[in-house]
Amino acid sequence: MNFTTIKFEEPEPGIGLLTLNRPDRLNAINLDMVEDLHRLFYSLLGNETVRVLVVTGEGRAFCSGADLKDSRAQNEESKSFPSAAATLYAIQKRYADRILEMRRIPQPVIAAVNGIAAGGGMCLAMASDVIFAATEAGFVPSFINIGLSGGELGSSYFLPRLVGATRAAEILMTGRTVDAAEAERIGLACRMVEGSRLMETAFETARAMLQKSVYGLRLTKETLNQNIAAPSLEAAIELENRNQSICCSAPDFMAAVENFSRGK
């Protein structure tokens, strides 16, 4: 599969590596990247070979958010809709749908945030399951800084769940930069690491995940997705009961039990 704005490879069995690849624009998201991400995420839905996905950025940035100079968004797309409002809504939805697709793929997603993650780039990181931040990384909810609402591409959903409601409100309403050290301290990133060890750390975690059973790993992601907004404890436990029953009947269950009993 060929892409123009991203790179996708499988550097190790079971691990996919997605690299946002517009370093001259700090990996800003344009409509071409939106389409590339859609094609990749769609292909991963039924991919049983790639079990974990690592996401990072080429060059010195993770992703600087939407490309405000994207000529295609300014010109081409506007010809397809009857009004400016219809055009903007359609484009907004195309960006936001990538976040939904990223959450729907069965593979756990590890974000290796190697530099600035601003706007939509911060949202891509927050939509991941695990976030590692290089010491030089920074998270900027820049929407409010350019006259928009502080809620975009899931930021008003993800951030309060990661750092708490009052911290999220302060960050989204000021648009300030959260550096890597603070991100680790408040729970926006699970760990801050030296930039030279960022990818090594991400791949170590991916390898640890690969040691788990196929259904165990996938259903854990599904459970976390569903139960973060579960209406009740009973509903959360019912989903867990279903998943455990499925896993117990999977062929690799007994092998995993034996390995555990032997201390492996």
C-alpha atoms as a PDB file:
ATOM      1  CA  MET A   1       0.000   0.000   0.000  1.00  0.00           C
ATOM      2  CA  ASN A   2       1.466   3.333  -1.109  1.00  0.00           C
ATOM      3  CA  PHE A   3       1.012   6.580   0.803  1.00  0.00           C
ATOM      4  CA  THR A   4       2.067  10.157   0.119  1.00  0.00           C
ATOM      5  CA  THR A   5       2.005  11.712   3.603  1.00  0.00           C
ATOM      6  CA  ILE A   6       2.649   8.794   5.951  1.00  0.00           C
ATOM      7  CA  LYS A   7       4.916   5.776   6.105  1.00  0.00           C
ATOM      8  CA  PHE A   8       3.785   2.350   7.251  1.00  0.00           C
ATOM      9  CA  GLU A   9       6.070  -0.595   7.820  1.00  0.00           C
ATOM     10  CA  GLU A  10       6.318  -3.757   9.879  1.00  0.00           C
ATOM     11  CA  PRO A  11       9.808  -3.567  11.398  1.00  0.00           C
ATOM     12  CA  GLU A  12       9.199  -6.631  13.555  1.00  0.00           C
ATOM     13  CA  PRO A  13       6.682  -9.470  13.327  1.00  0.00           C
ATOM     14  CA  GLY A  14       3.389  -8.342  14.824  1.00  0.00           C
ATOM     15  CA  ILE A  15       4.356  -4.657  15.148  1.00  0.00           C
ATOM     16  CA  GLY A  16       3.236  -1.962  12.729  1.00  0.00           C
ATOM     17  CA  LEU A  17       4.957   1.419  12.642  1.00  0.00           C
ATOM     18  CA  LEU A  18       3.037   4.452  11.409  1.00  0.00           C
ATOM     19  CA  THR A  19       5.181   7.538  10.823  1.00  0.00           C
ATOM     20  CA  LEU A  20       3.541  10.856  10.002  1.00  0.00           C
ATOM     21  CA  ASN A  21       5.744  12.009   7.145  1.00  0.00           C
ATOM     22  CA  ARG A  22       5.487  15.719   6.362  1.00  0.00           C
ATOM     23  CA  PRO A  23       8.516  16.955   8.303  1.00  0.00           C
ATOM     24  CA  ASP A  24       8.759  20.180   6.287  1.00  0.00           C
ATOM     25  CA  ARG A  25       5.315  21.109   7.732  1.00  0.00           C
ATOM     26  CA  LEU A  26       6.002  19.583  11.179  1.00  0.00           C
ATOM     27  CA  ASN A  27       3.781  16.677  10.076  1.00  0.00           C
ATOM     28  CA  ALA A  28       0.712  18.906   9.871  1.00  0.00           C
ATOM     29  CA  ILE A  29      -2.447  17.073   8.823  1.00  0.00           C
ATOM     30  CA  ASN A  30      -3.726  17.979   5.380  1.00  0.00           C
ATOM     31  CA  LEU A  31      -6.540  16.324   3.463  1.00  0.00           C
ATOM     32  CA  ASP A  32      -4.096  13.997   1.733  1.00  0.00           C
ATOM     33  CA  MET A  33      -2.964  12.747   5.155  1.00  0.00           C
ATOM     34  CA  VAL A  34      -6.587  12.408   6.231  1.00  0.00           C
ATOM     35  CA  GLU A  35      -7.136  10.077   3.272  1.00  0.00           C
ATOM     36  CA  ASP A  36      -3.902   8.150   3.881  1.00  0.00           C
ATOM     37  CA  LEU A  37      -4.845   7.563   7.525  1.00  0.00           C
ATOM     38  CA  HIS A  38      -8.299   6.384   6.498  1.00  0.00           C
ATOM     39  CA  ARG A  39      -6.838   3.831   4.085  1.00  0.00           C
ATOM     40  CA  LEU A  40      -4.365   2.579   6.687  1.00  0.00           C
ATOM     41  CA  PHE A  41      -6.859   2.298   9.546  1.00  0.00           C
ATOM     42  CA  TYR A  42      -9.373   0.558   7.282  1.00  0.00           C
ATOM     43  CA  SER A  43      -6.730  -1.994   6.270  1.00  0.00           C
ATOM     44  CA  LEU A  44      -5.834  -2.647   9.920  1.00  0.00           C
ATOM     45  CA  LEU A  45      -9.419  -3.475  10.892  1.00  0.00           C
ATOM     46  CA  GLY A  46      -9.149  -6.968   9.473  1.00  0.00           C
ATOM     47  CA  ASN A  47      -5.387  -7.379   9.745  1.00  0.00           C
ATOM     48  CA  GLU A  48      -4.522 -10.288  12.033  1.00  0.00           C
ATOM     49  CA  THR A  49      -0.785 -10.096  11.358  1.00  0.00           C
ATOM     50  CA  VAL A  50      -0.233  -6.639  12.829  1.00  0.00           C
ATOM     51  CA  ARG A  51      -1.152  -6.905  16.504  1.00  0.00           C
ATOM     52  CA  VAL A  52       0.246  -3.617  17.897  1.00  0.00           C
ATOM     53  CA  LEU A  53       0.610  -0.230  16.206  1.00  0.00           C
ATOM     54  CA  VAL A  54       3.287   2.344  17.110  1.00  0.00           C
ATOM     55  CA  VAL A  55       2.703   5.932  15.930  1.00  0.00           C
ATOM     56  CA  THR A  56       5.368   8.639  15.721  1.00  0.00           C
ATOM     57  CA  GLY A  57       6.383  11.640  13.622  1.00  0.00           C
ATOM     58  CA  GLU A  58       9.201  12.161  11.157  1.00  0.00           C
ATOM     59  CA  GLY A  59      11.761  14.807  12.080  1.00  0.00           C
ATOM     60  CA  ARG A  60      11.513  17.074  15.091  1.00  0.00           C
ATOM     61  CA  ALA A  61       7.725  17.107  15.579  1.00  0.00           C
ATOM     62  CA  PHE A  62       5.067  14.527  16.292  1.00  0.00           C
ATOM     63  CA  CYS A  63       2.299  16.497  14.589  1.00  0.00           C
ATOM     64  CA  SER A  64       1.557  20.222  14.543  1.00  0.00           C
ATOM     65  CA  GLY A  65      -2.170  19.756  13.946  1.00  0.00           C
ATOM     66  CA  ALA A  66      -4.267  20.697  10.942  1.00  0.00           C
ATOM     67  CA  ASP A  67      -2.389  22.317   8.072  1.00  0.00           C
ATOM     68  CA  LEU A  68      -3.919  25.794   7.899  1.00  0.00           C
ATOM     69  CA  LYS A  69      -2.189  26.337   4.550  1.00  0.00           C
ATOM     70  CA  ASP A  70      -3.649  23.261   2.893  1.00  0.00           C
ATOM     71  CA  SER A  71      -4.562  24.594  -0.558  1.00  0.00           C
ATOM     72  CA  ARG A  72      -6.795  21.628  -1.253  1.00  0.00           C
ATOM     73  CA  ALA A  73      -8.968  22.385   1.767  1.00  0.00           C
ATOM     74  CA  GLN A  74      -9.125  26.050   0.785  1.00  0.00           C
ATOM     75  CA  ASN A  75      -9.918  25.521  -2.882  1.00  0.00           C
ATOM     76  CA  GLU A  76     -10.782  22.070  -4.143  1.00  0.00           C
ATOM     77  CA  GLU A  77     -13.175  21.010  -1.406  1.00  0.00           C
ATOM     78  CA  SER A  78     -15.120  24.270  -1.393  1.00  0.00           C
ATOM     79  CA  LYS A  79     -16.374  23.568  -4.927  1.00  0.00           C
ATOM     80  CA  SER A  80     -18.221  20.431  -3.832  1.00  0.00           C
ATOM     81  CA  PHE A  81     -20.633  21.998  -1.327  1.00  0.00           C
ATOM     82  CA  PRO A  82     -23.367  24.663  -1.592  1.00  0.00           C
ATOM     83  CA  SER A  83     -22.137  26.872   1.262  1.00  0.00           C
ATOM     84  CA  ALA A  84     -19.109  27.682   3.381  1.00  0.00           C
ATOM     85  CA  ALA A  85     -20.801  26.119   6.398  1.00  0.00           C
ATOM     86  CA  ALA A  86     -21.412  22.858   4.532  1.00  0.00           C
ATOM     87  CA  THR A  87     -17.811  22.819   3.307  1.00  0.00           C
ATOM     88  CA  LEU A  88     -16.347  23.402   6.755  1.00  0.00           C
ATOM     89  CA  TYR A  89     -18.593  20.825   8.384  1.00  0.00           C
ATOM     90  CA  ALA A  90     -17.691  18.180   5.800  1.00  0.00           C
ATOM     91  CA  ILE A  91     -13.970  18.824   6.233  1.00  0.00           C
ATOM     92  CA  GLN A  92     -14.265  18.868  10.032  1.00  0.00           C
ATOM     93  CA  LYS A  93     -16.068  15.531   9.962  1.00  0.00           C
ATOM     94  CA  ARG A  94     -13.408  13.960   7.756  1.00  0.00           C
ATOM     95  CA  TYR A  95     -10.706  14.937  10.245  1.00  0.00           C
ATOM     96  CA  ALA A  96     -12.738  13.772  13.237  1.00  0.00           C
ATOM     97  CA  ASP A  97     -13.611  10.436  11.641  1.00  0.00           C
ATOM     98  CA  ARG A  98      -9.934   9.491  11.672  1.00  0.00           C
ATOM     99  CA  ILE A  99      -9.958   9.671  15.473  1.00  0.00           C
ATOM    100  CA  LEU A 100     -12.957   7.334  15.591  1.00  0.00           C
ATOM    101  CA  GLU A 101     -11.266   4.934  13.180  1.00  0.00           C
ATOM    102  CA  MET A 102      -8.114   4.948  15.271  1.00  0.00           C
ATOM    103  CA  ARG A 103     -10.107   3.948  18.342  1.00  0.00           C
ATOM    104  CA  ARG A 104     -11.974   1.227  16.415  1.00  0.00           C
ATOM    105  CA  ILE A 105      -8.978  -0.691  15.108  1.00  0.00           C
ATOM    106  CA  PRO A 106      -8.362  -3.788  17.254  1.00  0.00           C
ATOM    107  CA  GLN A 107      -4.632  -3.171  17.634  1.00  0.00           C
ATOM    108  CA  PRO A 108      -3.438  -1.341  20.768  1.00  0.00           C
ATOM    109  CA  VAL A 109      -1.892   1.961  19.671  1.00  0.00           C
ATOM    110  CA  ILE A 110       1.303   3.269  21.262  1.00  0.00           C
ATOM    111  CA  ALA A 111       2.086   6.942  20.615  1.00  0.00           C
ATOM    112  CA  ALA A 112       5.789   7.783  20.653  1.00  0.00           C
ATOM    113  CA  VAL A 113       5.544  11.569  20.884  1.00  0.00           C
ATOM    114  CA  ASN A 114       8.933  12.744  19.667  1.00  0.00           C
ATOM    115  CA  GLY A 115       8.290  16.498  19.638  1.00  0.00           C
ATOM    116  CA  ILE A 116       5.459  18.997  19.567  1.00  0.00           C
ATOM    117  CA  ALA A 117       1.943  17.547  19.466  1.00  0.00           C
ATOM    118  CA  ALA A 118      -0.351  20.476  18.786  1.00  0.00           C
ATOM    119  CA  GLY A 119      -4.043  20.677  17.988  1.00  0.00           C
ATOM    120  CA  GLY A 120      -5.063  17.600  16.045  1.00  0.00           C
ATOM    121  CA  GLY A 121      -1.639  16.131  16.748  1.00  0.00           C
ATOM    122  CA  MET A 122      -2.346  16.230  20.470  1.00  0.00           C
ATOM    123  CA  CYS A 123      -5.683  14.545  19.762  1.00  0.00           C
ATOM    124  CA  LEU A 124      -3.981  11.769  17.780  1.00  0.00           C
ATOM    125  CA  ALA A 125      -1.727  11.164  20.767  1.00  0.00           C
ATOM    126  CA  MET A 126      -4.636  11.171  23.233  1.00  0.00           C
ATOM    127  CA  ALA A 127      -6.579   8.731  21.036  1.00  0.00           C
ATOM    128  CA  SER A 128      -3.755   6.227  21.492  1.00  0.00           C
ATOM    129  CA  ASP A 129      -3.864   3.581  24.200  1.00  0.00           C
ATOM    130  CA  VAL A 130      -0.388   4.284  25.586  1.00  0.00           C
ATOM    131  CA  ILE A 131       1.537   7.565  25.329  1.00  0.00           C
ATOM    132  CA  PHE A 132       5.290   7.917  25.732  1.00  0.00           C
ATOM    133  CA  ALA A 133       6.685  11.447  25.561  1.00  0.00           C
ATOM    134  CA  ALA A 134      10.266  12.359  24.692  1.00  0.00           C
ATOM    135  CA  THR A 135      11.790  14.964  27.007  1.00  0.00           C
ATOM    136  CA  GLU A 136      11.507  17.512  24.197  1.00  0.00           C
ATOM    137  CA  ALA A 137       7.825  16.768  23.555  1.00  0.00           C
ATOM    138  CA  GLY A 138       5.077  19.284  24.235  1.00  0.00           C
ATOM    139  CA  PHE A 139       1.276  19.065  24.099  1.00  0.00           C
ATOM    140  CA  VAL A 140      -0.600  22.148  22.870  1.00  0.00           C
ATOM    141  CA  PRO A 141      -4.418  22.305  22.615  1.00  0.00           C
ATOM    142  CA  SER A 142      -4.059  25.157  20.165  1.00  0.00           C
ATOM    143  CA  PHE A 143      -7.703  25.370  19.023  1.00  0.00           C
ATOM    144  CA  ILE A 144      -8.657  28.152  21.408  1.00  0.00           C
ATOM    145  CA  ASN A 145      -5.526  30.098  20.439  1.00  0.00           C
ATOM    146  CA  ILE A 146      -6.882  30.581  16.905  1.00  0.00           C
ATOM    147  CA  GLY A 147     -10.414  31.528  17.918  1.00  0.00           C
ATOM    148  CA  LEU A 148     -11.951  28.061  17.965  1.00  0.00           C
ATOM    149  CA  SER A 149     -13.573  26.111  20.762  1.00  0.00           C
ATOM    150  CA  GLY A 150     -11.170  24.211  22.971  1.00  0.00           C
ATOM    151  CA  GLY A 151     -13.001  20.995  22.115  1.00  0.00           C
ATOM    152  CA  GLU A 152     -11.945  19.331  18.864  1.00  0.00           C
ATOM    153  CA  LEU A 153     -11.295  15.813  17.546  1.00  0.00           C
ATOM    154  CA  GLY A 154     -12.201  14.295  20.891  1.00  0.00           C
ATOM    155  CA  SER A 155     -10.102  16.587  23.088  1.00  0.00           C
ATOM    156  CA  SER A 156     -13.045  17.370  25.400  1.00  0.00           C
ATOM    157  CA  TYR A 157     -13.594  13.618  25.786  1.00  0.00           C
ATOM    158  CA  PHE A 158     -10.040  12.344  26.155  1.00  0.00           C
ATOM    159  CA  LEU A 159      -8.353  15.047  28.213  1.00  0.00           C
ATOM    160  CA  PRO A 160     -10.716  15.077  31.248  1.00  0.00           C
ATOM    161  CA  ARG A 161     -10.451  11.296  31.415  1.00  0.00           C
ATOM    162  CA  LEU A 162      -6.672  11.450  31.353  1.00  0.00           C
ATOM    163  CA  VAL A 163      -5.984  14.352  33.712  1.00  0.00           C
ATOM    164  CA  GLY A 164      -9.273  15.165  35.455  1.00  0.00           C
ATOM    165  CA  ALA A 165     -11.944  17.751  34.753  1.00  0.00           C
ATOM    166  CA  THR A 166     -10.414  20.846  36.360  1.00  0.00           C
ATOM    167  CA  ARG A 167      -6.961  20.322  34.879  1.00  0.00           C
ATOM    168  CA  ALA A 168      -8.520  19.678  31.472  1.00  0.00           C
ATOM    169  CA  ALA A 169     -10.570  22.878  31.717  1.00  0.00           C
ATOM    170  CA  GLU A 170      -7.509  24.972  32.559  1.00  0.00           C
ATOM    171  CA  ILE A 171      -5.450  23.476  29.735  1.00  0.00           C
ATOM    172  CA  LEU A 172      -8.186  23.675  27.080  1.00  0.00           C
ATOM    173  CA  MET A 173      -9.271  27.194  28.080  1.00  0.00           C
ATOM    174  CA  THR A 174      -5.768  28.679  28.065  1.00  0.00           C
ATOM    175  CA  GLY A 175      -4.296  26.730  25.163  1.00  0.00           C
ATOM    176  CA  ARG A 176      -0.975  26.560  26.985  1.00  0.00           C
ATOM    177  CA  THR A 177       1.788  24.073  26.309  1.00  0.00           C
ATOM    178  CA  VAL A 178       2.069  21.070  28.615  1.00  0.00           C
ATOM    179  CA  ASP A 179       5.687  19.940  28.582  1.00  0.00           C
ATOM    180  CA  ALA A 180       6.722  16.294  28.853  1.00  0.00           C
ATOM    181  CA  ALA A 181       7.527  16.422  32.560  1.00  0.00           C
ATOM    182  CA  GLU A 182       4.113  17.838  33.435  1.00  0.00           C
ATOM    183  CA  ALA A 183       2.408  15.447  31.008  1.00  0.00           C
ATOM    184  CA  GLU A 184       3.906  12.516  32.883  1.00  0.00           C
ATOM    185  CA  ARG A 185       3.048  14.009  36.285  1.00  0.00           C
ATOM    186  CA  ILE A 186      -0.625  14.665  35.521  1.00  0.00           C
ATOM    187  CA  GLY A 187      -1.255  11.490  33.508  1.00  0.00           C
ATOM    188  CA  LEU A 188      -1.405  12.915  29.987  1.00  0.00           C
ATOM    189  CA  ALA A 189       1.589  10.690  29.161  1.00  0.00           C
ATOM    190  CA  CYS A 190       2.299   7.451  30.961  1.00  0.00           C
ATOM    191  CA  ARG A 191       6.048   8.041  30.857  1.00  0.00           C
ATOM    192  CA  MET A 192       8.644  10.636  29.852  1.00  0.00           C
ATOM    193  CA  VAL A 193      11.817   9.202  28.320  1.00  0.00           C
ATOM    194  CA  GLU A 194      14.959  10.556  26.726  1.00  0.00           C
ATOM    195  CA  GLY A 195      14.459  11.152  23.031  1.00  0.00           C
ATOM    196  CA  SER A 196      17.199   8.683  22.187  1.00  0.00           C
ATOM    197  CA  ARG A 197      15.241   5.940  23.975  1.00  0.00           C
ATOM    198  CA  LEU A 198      11.750   6.867  22.826  1.00  0.00           C
ATOM    199  CA  MET A 199      11.330   4.319  20.039  1.00  0.00           C
ATOM    200  CA  GLU A 200      13.151   1.652  22.042  1.00  0.00           C
ATOM    201  CA  THR A 201      10.692   2.179  24.905  1.00  0.00           C
ATOM    202  CA  ALA A 202       7.705   2.028  22.555  1.00  0.00           C
ATOM    203  CA  PHE A 203       8.930  -1.173  20.957  1.00  0.00           C
ATOM    204  CA  GLU A 204       9.728  -2.784  24.327  1.00  0.00           C
ATOM    205  CA  THR A 205       6.122  -2.188  25.343  1.00  0.00           C
ATOM    206  CA  ALA A 206       4.831  -3.475  22.006  1.00  0.00           C
ATOM    207  CA  ARG A 207       6.885  -6.666  22.420  1.00  0.00           C
ATOM    208  CA  ALA A 208       5.471  -7.166  25.912  1.00  0.00           C
ATOM    209  CA  MET A 209       1.961  -6.888  24.476  1.00  0.00           C
ATOM    210  CA  LEU A 210       2.790  -9.450  21.784  1.00  0.00           C
ATOM    211  CA  GLN A 211       3.484 -12.002  24.513  1.00  0.00           C
ATOM    212  CA  LYS A 212      -0.200 -11.918  25.430  1.00  0.00           C
ATOM    213  CA  SER A 213      -2.910 -13.954  23.729  1.00  0.00           C
ATOM    214  CA  VAL A 214      -4.539 -12.572  20.586  1.00  0.00           C
ATOM    215  CA  TYR A 215      -8.028 -12.364  22.080  1.00  0.00           C
ATOM    216  CA  GLY A 216      -6.774 -11.250  25.470  1.00  0.00           C
ATOM    217  CA  LEU A 217      -5.035  -8.238  23.972  1.00  0.00           C
ATOM    218  CA  ARG A 218      -7.788  -7.222  21.577  1.00  0.00           C
ATOM    219  CA  LEU A 219     -10.616  -7.669  24.056  1.00  0.00           C
ATOM    220  CA  THR A 220      -8.722  -5.671  26.690  1.00  0.00           C
ATOM    221  CA  LYS A 221      -8.675  -2.706  24.303  1.00  0.00           C
ATOM    222  CA  GLU A 222     -12.363  -3.242  23.557  1.00  0.00           C
ATOM    223  CA  THR A 223     -13.198  -3.413  27.275  1.00  0.00           C
ATOM    224  CA  LEU A 224     -11.322  -0.217  28.066  1.00  0.00           C
ATOM    225  CA  ASN A 225     -13.027   1.549  25.154  1.00  0.00           C
ATOM    226  CA  GLN A 226     -16.481   0.510  26.289  1.00  0.00           C
ATOM    227  CA  ASN A 227     -16.172   0.644  30.050  1.00  0.00           C
ATOM    228  CA  ILE A 228     -14.612   4.097  30.305  1.00  0.00           C
ATOM    229  CA  ALA A 229     -18.161   5.327  29.761  1.00  0.00           C
ATOM    230  CA  ALA A 230     -20.053   2.340  31.156  1.00  0.00           C
ATOM    231  CA  PRO A 231     -23.475   3.340  32.544  1.00  0.00           C
ATOM    232  CA  SER A 232     -23.029   1.110  35.596  1.00  0.00           C
ATOM    233  CA  LEU A 233     -20.736  -1.360  37.307  1.00  0.00           C
ATOM    234  CA  GLU A 234     -23.136  -4.111  36.295  1.00  0.00           C
ATOM    235  CA  ALA A 235     -22.804  -3.203  32.610  1.00  0.00           C
ATOM    236  CA  ALA A 236     -19.004  -3.111  32.885  1.00  0.00           C
ATOM    237  CA  ILE A 237     -18.871  -6.524  34.537  1.00  0.00           C
ATOM    238  CA  GLU A 238     -21.232  -8.060  31.986  1.00  0.00           C
ATOM    239  CA  LEU A 239     -18.827  -7.072  29.191  1.00  0.00           C
ATOM    240  CA  GLU A 240     -15.898  -8.451  31.189  1.00  0.00           C
ATOM    241  CA  ASN A 241     -17.800 -11.715  31.767  1.00  0.00           C
ATOM    242  CA  ARG A 242     -18.413 -12.101  28.045  1.00  0.00           C
ATOM    243  CA  ASN A 243     -14.773 -11.423  27.186  1.00  0.00           C
ATOM    244  CA  GLN A 244     -13.414 -13.837  29.778  1.00  0.00           C
ATOM    245  CA  SER A 245     -15.708 -16.576  28.491  1.00  0.00           C
ATOM    246  CA  ILE A 246     -14.470 -15.982  24.934  1.00  0.00           C
ATOM    247  CA  CYS A 247     -10.823 -16.014  26.023  1.00  0.00           C
ATOM    248  CA  CYS A 248     -11.227 -19.238  28.015  1.00  0.00           C
ATOM    249  CA  SER A 249     -12.319 -21.045  24.857  1.00  0.00           C
ATOM    250  CA  ALA A 250      -9.464 -19.675  22.722  1.00  0.00           C
ATOM    251  CA  PRO A 251      -6.792 -22.226  21.739  1.00  0.00           C
ATOM    252  CA  ASP A 252      -3.922 -20.316  23.353  1.00  0.00           C
ATOM    253  CA  PHE A 253      -5.608 -20.048  26.766  1.00  0.00           C
ATOM    254  CA  MET A 254      -4.273 -23.282  28.279  1.00  0.00           C
ATOM    255  CA  ALA A 255      -0.783 -22.617  26.951  1.00  0.00           C
ATOM    256  CA  ALA A 256      -0.839 -19.207  28.631  1.00  0.00           C
ATOM    257  CA  VAL A 257      -2.019 -20.776  31.907  1.00  0.00           C
ATOM    258  CA  GLU A 258       0.778 -23.344  31.804  1.00  0.00           C
ATOM    259  CA  ASN A 259       3.397 -20.687  31.086  1.00  0.00           C
ATOM    260  CA  PHE A 260       2.088 -18.597  33.970  1.00  0.00           C
ATOM    261  CA  SER A 261       2.179 -21.581  36.321  1.00  0.00           C
ATOM    262  CA  ARG A 262       5.775 -22.232  35.373  1.00  0.00           C
ATOM    263  CA  GLY A 263       6.688 -18.615  36.066  1.00  0.00           C
ATOM    264  CA  LYS A 264       7.424 -17.772  32.446  1.00  0.00           C
END
